Amino acid sequence: MAEPIPAQKSPYGVQLEAGKEYWWCACGRSKSQPFCDGSHKGTGLSPIGFTAQKSEEAWLCGCKASGKKPFCDGTHKRV
């Protein structure tokens, strides 16, 4: 299994829409960061799916090391 690649050392600010399903890139290889584009195929890594509970701006992890995936918890400051 491959290790995730940090896409960037800061979070991605995104606007989420209530009730919409999202797939967060866990491998770091997607060209559509922070969302999955299928680039993980063959790595043994899988995206993390979630449904937005409310419409809001959210900060999704860019370093791929957060303890609260897919959301940023500040781990990028130590990576």
N, C-alpha and C. Protein backbone atom coordinates (compact mmCIF):
# COMPACT_ATOMS: atom_id res chain seq x y z
N MET A 1 0.84 -1.18 0.00
CA MET A 1 0.00 0.00 0.00
C MET A 1 0.88 1.25 0.00
N ALA A 2 0.57 2.18 -0.85
CA ALA A 2 1.32 3.43 -0.95
C ALA A 2 0.98 4.37 0.21
N GLU A 3 1.87 5.27 0.48
CA GLU A 3 1.65 6.30 1.50
C GLU A 3 0.99 7.51 0.83
N PRO A 4 0.15 8.24 1.57
CA PRO A 4 -0.42 9.46 1.00
C PRO A 4 0.66 10.50 0.72
N ILE A 5 0.46 11.29 -0.31
CA ILE A 5 1.37 12.38 -0.67
C ILE A 5 0.71 13.68 -0.22
N PRO A 6 1.39 14.51 0.58
CA PRO A 6 0.79 15.79 0.95
C PRO A 6 0.54 16.63 -0.32
N ALA A 7 -0.69 17.02 -0.55
CA ALA A 7 -1.02 17.84 -1.72
C ALA A 7 -0.56 19.27 -1.49
N GLN A 8 -0.66 19.73 -0.25
CA GLN A 8 -0.15 21.05 0.15
C GLN A 8 -0.08 21.07 1.67
N LYS A 9 0.72 21.97 2.20
CA LYS A 9 0.90 22.02 3.65
C LYS A 9 0.00 23.06 4.30
N SER A 10 -1.23 23.13 3.81
CA SER A 10 -2.26 23.99 4.39
C SER A 10 -3.61 23.40 3.98
N PRO A 11 -4.67 23.77 4.68
CA PRO A 11 -5.99 23.23 4.33
C PRO A 11 -6.58 23.91 3.11
N TYR A 12 -7.59 23.27 2.55
CA TYR A 12 -8.36 23.82 1.44
C TYR A 12 -9.66 24.38 1.99
N GLY A 13 -9.93 25.65 1.77
CA GLY A 13 -11.21 26.24 2.14
C GLY A 13 -12.20 25.95 1.03
N VAL A 14 -13.29 25.26 1.36
CA VAL A 14 -14.30 24.90 0.37
C VAL A 14 -15.68 25.26 0.88
N GLN A 15 -16.58 25.54 -0.03
CA GLN A 15 -17.97 25.80 0.31
C GLN A 15 -18.75 24.50 0.14
N LEU A 16 -19.30 23.99 1.24
CA LEU A 16 -20.07 22.75 1.20
C LEU A 16 -21.55 23.08 1.13
N GLU A 17 -22.30 22.20 0.49
CA GLU A 17 -23.74 22.36 0.32
C GLU A 17 -24.46 21.29 1.14
N ALA A 18 -25.38 21.70 1.99
CA ALA A 18 -26.11 20.77 2.86
C ALA A 18 -26.73 19.62 2.07
N GLY A 19 -26.52 18.40 2.57
CA GLY A 19 -27.10 17.21 1.96
C GLY A 19 -26.32 16.65 0.78
N LYS A 20 -25.31 17.35 0.31
CA LYS A 20 -24.52 16.89 -0.84
C LYS A 20 -23.41 15.95 -0.38
N GLU A 21 -23.18 14.90 -1.17
CA GLU A 21 -22.12 13.93 -0.87
C GLU A 21 -20.82 14.39 -1.53
N TYR A 22 -19.73 14.26 -0.78
CA TYR A 22 -18.40 14.64 -1.27
C TYR A 22 -17.45 13.47 -1.04
N TRP A 23 -16.41 13.40 -1.88
CA TRP A 23 -15.37 12.39 -1.74
C TRP A 23 -14.03 13.11 -1.64
N TRP A 24 -13.45 13.09 -0.44
CA TRP A 24 -12.18 13.75 -0.15
C TRP A 24 -11.02 12.86 -0.57
N CYS A 25 -10.05 13.42 -1.29
CA CYS A 25 -8.87 12.68 -1.73
C CYS A 25 -7.98 12.36 -0.53
N ALA A 26 -7.76 11.08 -0.28
CA ALA A 26 -6.91 10.65 0.82
C ALA A 26 -5.49 10.31 0.37
N CYS A 27 -5.29 10.19 -0.95
CA CYS A 27 -3.98 9.77 -1.44
C CYS A 27 -3.05 10.93 -1.78
N GLY A 28 -3.62 12.10 -2.08
CA GLY A 28 -2.83 13.27 -2.45
C GLY A 28 -2.49 13.35 -3.93
N ARG A 29 -2.95 12.41 -4.72
CA ARG A 29 -2.60 12.36 -6.14
C ARG A 29 -3.63 13.02 -7.06
N SER A 30 -4.81 13.32 -6.55
CA SER A 30 -5.88 13.89 -7.36
C SER A 30 -5.49 15.25 -7.94
N LYS A 31 -5.88 15.49 -9.16
CA LYS A 31 -5.68 16.80 -9.80
C LYS A 31 -6.82 17.74 -9.42
N SER A 32 -7.84 17.22 -8.72
CA SER A 32 -9.02 18.00 -8.32
C SER A 32 -9.05 18.23 -6.81
N GLN A 33 -7.90 18.47 -6.21
CA GLN A 33 -7.80 18.65 -4.76
C GLN A 33 -8.80 19.69 -4.26
N PRO A 34 -9.40 19.45 -3.12
CA PRO A 34 -9.16 18.36 -2.19
C PRO A 34 -10.05 17.15 -2.44
N PHE A 35 -10.69 17.12 -3.61
CA PHE A 35 -11.63 16.04 -3.90
C PHE A 35 -11.01 14.98 -4.80
N CYS A 36 -11.57 13.79 -4.75
CA CYS A 36 -11.06 12.63 -5.49
C CYS A 36 -11.38 12.72 -6.98
N ASP A 37 -10.41 12.31 -7.80
CA ASP A 37 -10.63 12.20 -9.24
C ASP A 37 -10.31 10.78 -9.74
N GLY A 38 -10.11 9.84 -8.79
CA GLY A 38 -9.82 8.46 -9.16
C GLY A 38 -8.34 8.13 -9.26
N SER A 39 -7.47 9.09 -9.00
CA SER A 39 -6.03 8.88 -9.12
C SER A 39 -5.46 7.88 -8.11
N HIS A 40 -6.25 7.52 -7.11
CA HIS A 40 -5.79 6.58 -6.07
C HIS A 40 -5.76 5.14 -6.58
N LYS A 41 -6.38 4.86 -7.69
CA LYS A 41 -6.46 3.47 -8.18
C LYS A 41 -5.09 2.83 -8.27
N GLY A 42 -4.97 1.66 -7.65
CA GLY A 42 -3.71 0.92 -7.65
C GLY A 42 -2.79 1.27 -6.49
N THR A 43 -3.18 2.24 -5.65
CA THR A 43 -2.34 2.64 -4.52
C THR A 43 -2.67 1.92 -3.23
N GLY A 44 -3.86 1.31 -3.16
CA GLY A 44 -4.32 0.70 -1.92
C GLY A 44 -4.98 1.71 -1.00
N LEU A 45 -5.05 2.97 -1.43
CA LEU A 45 -5.70 4.03 -0.65
C LEU A 45 -7.07 4.30 -1.25
N SER A 46 -7.99 4.77 -0.42
CA SER A 46 -9.35 5.07 -0.88
C SER A 46 -9.78 6.44 -0.39
N PRO A 47 -10.62 7.13 -1.16
CA PRO A 47 -11.12 8.43 -0.73
C PRO A 47 -12.08 8.26 0.45
N ILE A 48 -12.31 9.34 1.16
CA ILE A 48 -13.24 9.34 2.29
C ILE A 48 -14.48 10.10 1.87
N GLY A 49 -15.60 9.41 1.90
CA GLY A 49 -16.86 10.02 1.54
C GLY A 49 -17.56 10.60 2.75
N PHE A 50 -18.24 11.72 2.54
CA PHE A 50 -19.04 12.32 3.61
C PHE A 50 -20.15 13.16 3.00
N THR A 51 -21.20 13.36 3.77
CA THR A 51 -22.32 14.19 3.36
C THR A 51 -22.33 15.43 4.25
N ALA A 52 -22.37 16.61 3.62
CA ALA A 52 -22.37 17.86 4.38
C ALA A 52 -23.66 17.96 5.19
N GLN A 53 -23.52 18.25 6.47
CA GLN A 53 -24.67 18.39 7.35
C GLN A 53 -25.37 19.74 7.17
N LYS A 54 -24.59 20.76 6.77
CA LYS A 54 -25.15 22.08 6.53
C LYS A 54 -24.32 22.79 5.48
N SER A 55 -24.89 23.82 4.89
CA SER A 55 -24.16 24.63 3.91
C SER A 55 -23.24 25.56 4.69
N GLU A 56 -21.95 25.45 4.42
CA GLU A 56 -20.98 26.25 5.16
C GLU A 56 -19.62 26.17 4.49
N GLU A 57 -18.72 27.09 4.87
CA GLU A 57 -17.33 26.98 4.46
C GLU A 57 -16.66 26.01 5.42
N ALA A 58 -15.88 25.09 4.86
CA ALA A 58 -15.17 24.11 5.68
C ALA A 58 -13.71 24.08 5.24
N TRP A 59 -12.86 23.61 6.13
CA TRP A 59 -11.43 23.52 5.85
C TRP A 59 -11.07 22.04 5.78
N LEU A 60 -10.77 21.57 4.55
CA LEU A 60 -10.43 20.17 4.34
C LEU A 60 -8.92 20.01 4.30
N CYS A 61 -8.46 18.91 4.86
CA CYS A 61 -7.04 18.64 5.01
C CYS A 61 -6.33 18.59 3.66
N GLY A 62 -5.19 19.27 3.58
CA GLY A 62 -4.36 19.24 2.37
C GLY A 62 -3.11 18.40 2.54
N CYS A 63 -2.68 18.21 3.81
CA CYS A 63 -1.44 17.46 4.06
C CYS A 63 -1.68 15.95 4.12
N LYS A 64 -2.94 15.54 4.20
CA LYS A 64 -3.37 14.13 4.23
C LYS A 64 -2.98 13.42 5.52
N ALA A 65 -2.65 14.17 6.58
CA ALA A 65 -2.22 13.56 7.84
C ALA A 65 -3.12 13.94 9.03
N SER A 66 -4.21 14.64 8.78
CA SER A 66 -5.10 15.08 9.86
C SER A 66 -5.66 13.89 10.64
N GLY A 67 -5.84 14.09 11.92
CA GLY A 67 -6.49 13.08 12.76
C GLY A 67 -8.00 13.15 12.65
N LYS A 68 -8.52 14.18 11.97
CA LYS A 68 -9.97 14.36 11.81
C LYS A 68 -10.36 14.34 10.33
N LYS A 69 -9.72 13.50 9.56
CA LYS A 69 -9.97 13.41 8.12
C LYS A 69 -11.47 13.30 7.84
N PRO A 70 -11.99 14.03 6.91
CA PRO A 70 -11.32 14.83 5.90
C PRO A 70 -11.04 16.28 6.33
N PHE A 71 -11.39 16.63 7.55
CA PHE A 71 -11.25 18.02 8.00
C PHE A 71 -9.87 18.29 8.59
N CYS A 72 -9.42 19.51 8.45
CA CYS A 72 -8.12 19.93 8.97
C CYS A 72 -8.17 20.01 10.49
N ASP A 73 -7.12 19.51 11.14
CA ASP A 73 -6.98 19.65 12.60
C ASP A 73 -5.68 20.35 12.98
N GLY A 74 -4.99 20.95 11.99
CA GLY A 74 -3.76 21.67 12.26
C GLY A 74 -2.51 20.82 12.17
N THR A 75 -2.63 19.55 11.83
CA THR A 75 -1.47 18.67 11.73
C THR A 75 -0.44 19.20 10.73
N HIS A 76 -0.88 19.92 9.69
CA HIS A 76 0.04 20.43 8.67
C HIS A 76 1.13 21.31 9.27
N LYS A 77 0.91 21.86 10.43
CA LYS A 77 1.92 22.70 11.09
C LYS A 77 3.10 21.88 11.61
N ARG A 78 2.89 20.55 11.71
CA ARG A 78 3.93 19.66 12.23
C ARG A 78 4.50 18.72 11.17
N VAL A 79 3.99 18.82 9.94
CA VAL A 79 4.43 17.90 8.86
C VAL A 79 5.59 18.52 8.11
